[in-house]
Amino acid sequence: MTDENTPENLRQKLADLDAEIAELRRLDGDAQARRGEDGDQSEGIIENEELATELTGIAENEAVIDVLLERRDRVEAQLRALG
């Protein structure tokens, strides 16, 4: 068995993944909340490019979260397999 597959190491990986997922979800929530806000200099109109950038960032963030959740499931399965 390698060090990579020790229960302690796998638990640490789960904790790290959970922290990363939580941070990305926080950032995603912040981005979602800003979608309807305008800047101080705005006249109430969000530029199309700015909106597209925000939406792209949100979509990319959600995709990363999905990948991390899949990775978390695999690590959790490895930990269960070890007993």
Protein backbone atom coordinates (compact mmCIF):
# COMPACT_ATOMS: atom_id res chain seq x y z
CA MET A 1 0.00 0.00 0.00
CA THR A 2 1.32 3.45 -0.84
CA ASP A 3 1.23 6.47 1.45
CA GLU A 4 -1.31 7.96 -0.93
CA ASN A 5 -3.95 5.40 0.08
CA THR A 6 -3.67 5.56 3.86
CA PRO A 7 -6.90 6.37 5.68
CA GLU A 8 -5.30 9.46 7.20
CA ASN A 9 -4.17 10.72 3.80
CA LEU A 10 -7.57 10.07 2.26
CA ARG A 11 -9.32 11.86 5.14
CA GLN A 12 -7.01 14.83 4.60
CA LYS A 13 -7.80 14.80 0.88
CA LEU A 14 -11.53 14.82 1.74
CA ALA A 15 -11.04 17.75 4.12
CA ASP A 16 -9.04 19.64 1.48
CA LEU A 17 -11.67 18.97 -1.19
CA ASP A 18 -14.47 20.02 1.18
CA ALA A 19 -12.65 23.29 1.92
CA GLU A 20 -12.05 23.97 -1.78
CA ILE A 21 -15.67 23.19 -2.67
CA ALA A 22 -16.92 25.45 0.14
CA GLU A 23 -14.70 28.31 -1.05
CA LEU A 24 -15.84 27.93 -4.67
CA ARG A 25 -19.47 27.84 -3.58
CA ARG A 26 -18.89 31.02 -1.57
CA LEU A 27 -17.31 32.70 -4.59
CA ASP A 28 -20.15 31.44 -6.78
CA GLY A 29 -22.68 32.91 -4.36
CA ASP A 30 -20.82 36.22 -4.40
CA ALA A 31 -20.81 36.26 -8.21
CA GLN A 32 -24.50 35.36 -8.33
CA ALA A 33 -25.28 38.18 -5.89
CA ARG A 34 -23.32 40.70 -7.99
CA ARG A 35 -25.16 39.82 -11.20
CA GLY A 36 -27.83 42.43 -10.59
CA GLU A 37 -25.56 45.12 -9.19
CA ASP A 38 -24.17 48.06 -11.09
CA GLY A 39 -20.97 49.89 -10.28
CA ASP A 40 -20.72 53.32 -8.66
CA GLN A 41 -20.19 55.01 -12.04
CA SER A 42 -23.02 53.15 -13.75
CA GLU A 43 -26.14 54.71 -15.10
CA GLY A 44 -28.08 51.53 -14.38
CA ILE A 45 -27.02 49.59 -17.45
CA ILE A 46 -24.79 46.53 -17.31
CA GLU A 47 -22.53 46.24 -20.31
CA ASN A 48 -23.09 43.10 -22.39
CA GLU A 49 -19.42 42.15 -22.18
CA GLU A 50 -19.42 42.51 -18.40
CA LEU A 51 -22.54 40.38 -18.09
CA ALA A 52 -21.11 37.73 -20.42
CA THR A 53 -17.90 37.64 -18.39
CA GLU A 54 -19.82 37.21 -15.14
CA LEU A 55 -22.01 34.45 -16.59
CA THR A 56 -18.98 32.66 -18.04
CA GLY A 57 -17.22 32.85 -14.68
CA ILE A 58 -20.25 31.43 -12.90
CA ALA A 59 -20.54 28.56 -15.40
CA GLU A 60 -16.84 27.77 -15.15
CA ASN A 61 -17.01 27.83 -11.37
CA GLU A 62 -19.96 25.43 -11.37
CA ALA A 63 -18.06 23.08 -13.70
CA VAL A 64 -15.05 23.08 -11.37
CA ILE A 65 -17.33 22.34 -8.41
CA ASP A 66 -18.80 19.37 -10.31
CA VAL A 67 -15.31 17.99 -10.99
CA LEU A 68 -14.31 18.42 -7.35
CA LEU A 69 -17.48 16.68 -6.17
CA GLU A 70 -16.71 13.73 -8.46
CA ARG A 71 -13.15 13.61 -7.13
CA ARG A 72 -14.51 13.75 -3.57
CA ASP A 73 -16.81 10.80 -4.28
CA ARG A 74 -13.85 8.76 -5.58
CA VAL A 75 -11.71 9.55 -2.54
CA GLU A 76 -14.60 8.72 -0.23
CA ALA A 77 -15.08 5.37 -2.03
CA GLN A 78 -11.37 4.62 -1.62
CA LEU A 79 -11.62 5.37 2.08
CA ARG A 80 -14.67 3.10 2.47
CA ALA A 81 -12.84 0.33 0.60
CA LEU A 82 -10.01 0.49 3.13
CA GLY A 83 -12.50 -0.19 5.89
